[in-house]
Amino acid sequence: MLTTKKKQTIIKKAQIHDKDTGSSDVQIMMLTTRIDDLSKHLKKHKKDNHSRRGLIKMVADRRKHLKFLERNDKTRHDALVKKIKE
């Protein structure tokens, strides 16, 4: 689970303008962070199928956002992918 401070740092890292909290960039970064946390949880708790289902839904949602961003703004998409891999 993401704390408020962690969310704010993620938003500041990915936002396009000062009041941006819901753009695709921010949503993708939030989902990526949650996916990473949940992946760590599932390595420890291998039989937690309810959380695994949530992870699969988040991965699918992130993939949809990335496809949308790639179709509409390829340069932002490429920059975001570089940020994610850091």
C-alpha atoms as a PDB file:
ATOM      1  CA  MET A   1       0.000   0.000   0.000  1.00  0.00           C
ATOM      2  CA  LEU A   2       1.254   3.466  -0.891  1.00  0.00           C
ATOM      3  CA  THR A   3       1.506   6.114   1.785  1.00  0.00           C
ATOM      4  CA  THR A   4       0.535   9.705   1.095  1.00  0.00           C
ATOM      5  CA  LYS A   5       4.142  10.886   1.076  1.00  0.00           C
ATOM      6  CA  LYS A   6       5.179   8.149  -1.329  1.00  0.00           C
ATOM      7  CA  LYS A   7       2.281   9.047  -3.640  1.00  0.00           C
ATOM      8  CA  GLN A   8       3.289  12.704  -3.595  1.00  0.00           C
ATOM      9  CA  THR A   9       6.875  11.889  -4.555  1.00  0.00           C
ATOM     10  CA  ILE A  10       5.671   9.687  -7.406  1.00  0.00           C
ATOM     11  CA  ILE A  11       3.339  12.426  -8.630  1.00  0.00           C
ATOM     12  CA  LYS A  12       6.117  15.033  -8.523  1.00  0.00           C
ATOM     13  CA  LYS A  13       8.403  12.727 -10.469  1.00  0.00           C
ATOM     14  CA  ALA A  14       5.892  12.028 -13.265  1.00  0.00           C
ATOM     15  CA  GLN A  15       3.651  15.089 -13.489  1.00  0.00           C
ATOM     16  CA  ILE A  16       3.481  17.169 -16.644  1.00  0.00           C
ATOM     17  CA  HIS A  17       2.485  20.441 -14.967  1.00  0.00           C
ATOM     18  CA  ASP A  18       2.151  21.685 -11.377  1.00  0.00           C
ATOM     19  CA  LYS A  19      -1.421  20.519 -10.706  1.00  0.00           C
ATOM     20  CA  ASP A  20      -1.228  17.266 -12.649  1.00  0.00           C
ATOM     21  CA  THR A  21      -2.406  14.295 -10.595  1.00  0.00           C
ATOM     22  CA  GLY A  22      -4.334  12.153 -13.066  1.00  0.00           C
ATOM     23  CA  SER A  23      -2.525  12.116 -16.396  1.00  0.00           C
ATOM     24  CA  SER A  24      -1.525   8.829 -17.954  1.00  0.00           C
ATOM     25  CA  ASP A  25       2.081   9.443 -16.927  1.00  0.00           C
ATOM     26  CA  VAL A  26       1.179   9.738 -13.254  1.00  0.00           C
ATOM     27  CA  GLN A  27      -1.194   6.777 -13.364  1.00  0.00           C
ATOM     28  CA  ILE A  28       1.411   4.576 -15.021  1.00  0.00           C
ATOM     29  CA  MET A  29       4.031   5.492 -12.409  1.00  0.00           C
ATOM     30  CA  MET A  30       1.562   4.804  -9.569  1.00  0.00           C
ATOM     31  CA  LEU A  31       0.624   1.448 -11.057  1.00  0.00           C
ATOM     32  CA  THR A  32       4.281   0.554 -11.573  1.00  0.00           C
ATOM     33  CA  THR A  33       5.083   1.270  -7.937  1.00  0.00           C
ATOM     34  CA  ARG A  34       2.095  -0.735  -6.724  1.00  0.00           C
ATOM     35  CA  ILE A  35       2.999  -3.611  -9.059  1.00  0.00           C
ATOM     36  CA  ASP A  36       6.550  -3.676  -7.695  1.00  0.00           C
ATOM     37  CA  ASP A  37       5.307  -3.730  -4.093  1.00  0.00           C
ATOM     38  CA  LEU A  38       2.783  -6.453  -4.804  1.00  0.00           C
ATOM     39  CA  SER A  39       5.360  -8.536  -6.660  1.00  0.00           C
ATOM     40  CA  LYS A  40       7.594  -8.459  -3.586  1.00  0.00           C
ATOM     41  CA  HIS A  41       4.632  -9.527  -1.456  1.00  0.00           C
ATOM     42  CA  LEU A  42       3.812 -12.420  -3.780  1.00  0.00           C
ATOM     43  CA  LYS A  43       7.398 -13.712  -3.717  1.00  0.00           C
ATOM     44  CA  LYS A  44       7.001 -14.169   0.020  1.00  0.00           C
ATOM     45  CA  HIS A  45       3.360 -15.355  -0.023  1.00  0.00           C
ATOM     46  CA  LYS A  46       3.188 -17.674  -3.012  1.00  0.00           C
ATOM     47  CA  LYS A  47      -0.348 -18.935  -2.380  1.00  0.00           C
ATOM     48  CA  ASP A  48      -2.020 -15.516  -2.082  1.00  0.00           C
ATOM     49  CA  ASN A  49      -4.219 -15.868  -5.156  1.00  0.00           C
ATOM     50  CA  HIS A  50      -6.459 -12.912  -4.316  1.00  0.00           C
ATOM     51  CA  SER A  51      -3.507 -10.533  -4.449  1.00  0.00           C
ATOM     52  CA  ARG A  52      -2.240 -12.258  -7.584  1.00  0.00           C
ATOM     53  CA  ARG A  53      -5.548 -11.467  -9.287  1.00  0.00           C
ATOM     54  CA  GLY A  54      -5.201  -7.817  -8.305  1.00  0.00           C
ATOM     55  CA  LEU A  55      -1.660  -7.795  -9.670  1.00  0.00           C
ATOM     56  CA  ILE A  56      -2.830  -9.151 -13.012  1.00  0.00           C
ATOM     57  CA  LYS A  57      -5.539  -6.471 -13.197  1.00  0.00           C
ATOM     58  CA  MET A  58      -3.003  -3.727 -12.427  1.00  0.00           C
ATOM     59  CA  VAL A  59      -0.592  -5.007 -15.084  1.00  0.00           C
ATOM     60  CA  ALA A  60      -3.395  -5.032 -17.660  1.00  0.00           C
ATOM     61  CA  ASP A  61      -4.445  -1.510 -16.670  1.00  0.00           C
ATOM     62  CA  ARG A  62      -0.866  -0.242 -16.941  1.00  0.00           C
ATOM     63  CA  ARG A  63      -0.532  -1.864 -20.360  1.00  0.00           C
ATOM     64  CA  LYS A  64      -3.697  -0.071 -21.545  1.00  0.00           C
ATOM     65  CA  HIS A  65      -2.386   3.278 -20.315  1.00  0.00           C
ATOM     66  CA  LEU A  66       0.965   2.685 -22.027  1.00  0.00           C
ATOM     67  CA  LYS A  67      -0.721   1.796 -25.332  1.00  0.00           C
ATOM     68  CA  PHE A  68      -2.861   4.940 -25.105  1.00  0.00           C
ATOM     69  CA  LEU A  69       0.167   7.108 -24.424  1.00  0.00           C
ATOM     70  CA  GLU A  70       2.144   5.479 -27.231  1.00  0.00           C
ATOM     71  CA  ARG A  71      -0.647   6.125 -29.731  1.00  0.00           C
ATOM     72  CA  ASN A  72      -1.158   9.749 -28.710  1.00  0.00           C
ATOM     73  CA  ASP A  73       2.312  11.012 -27.752  1.00  0.00           C
ATOM     74  CA  LYS A  74       5.248   8.780 -28.626  1.00  0.00           C
ATOM     75  CA  THR A  75       7.906  11.117 -27.157  1.00  0.00           C
ATOM     76  CA  ARG A  76       6.187  11.250 -23.739  1.00  0.00           C
ATOM     77  CA  HIS A  77       5.798   7.480 -23.869  1.00  0.00           C
ATOM     78  CA  ASP A  78       9.500   6.960 -24.537  1.00  0.00           C
ATOM     79  CA  ALA A  79      10.504   9.407 -21.797  1.00  0.00           C
ATOM     80  CA  LEU A  80       8.202   7.683 -19.312  1.00  0.00           C
ATOM     81  CA  VAL A  81       9.560   4.245 -20.133  1.00  0.00           C
ATOM     82  CA  LYS A  82      13.077   5.573 -19.439  1.00  0.00           C
ATOM     83  CA  LYS A  83      11.895   6.962 -16.064  1.00  0.00           C
ATOM     84  CA  ILE A  84      10.337   3.618 -15.165  1.00  0.00           C
ATOM     85  CA  LYS A  85      13.513   1.687 -15.943  1.00  0.00           C
ATOM     86  CA  GLU A  86      15.641   3.928 -13.696  1.00  0.00           C
END
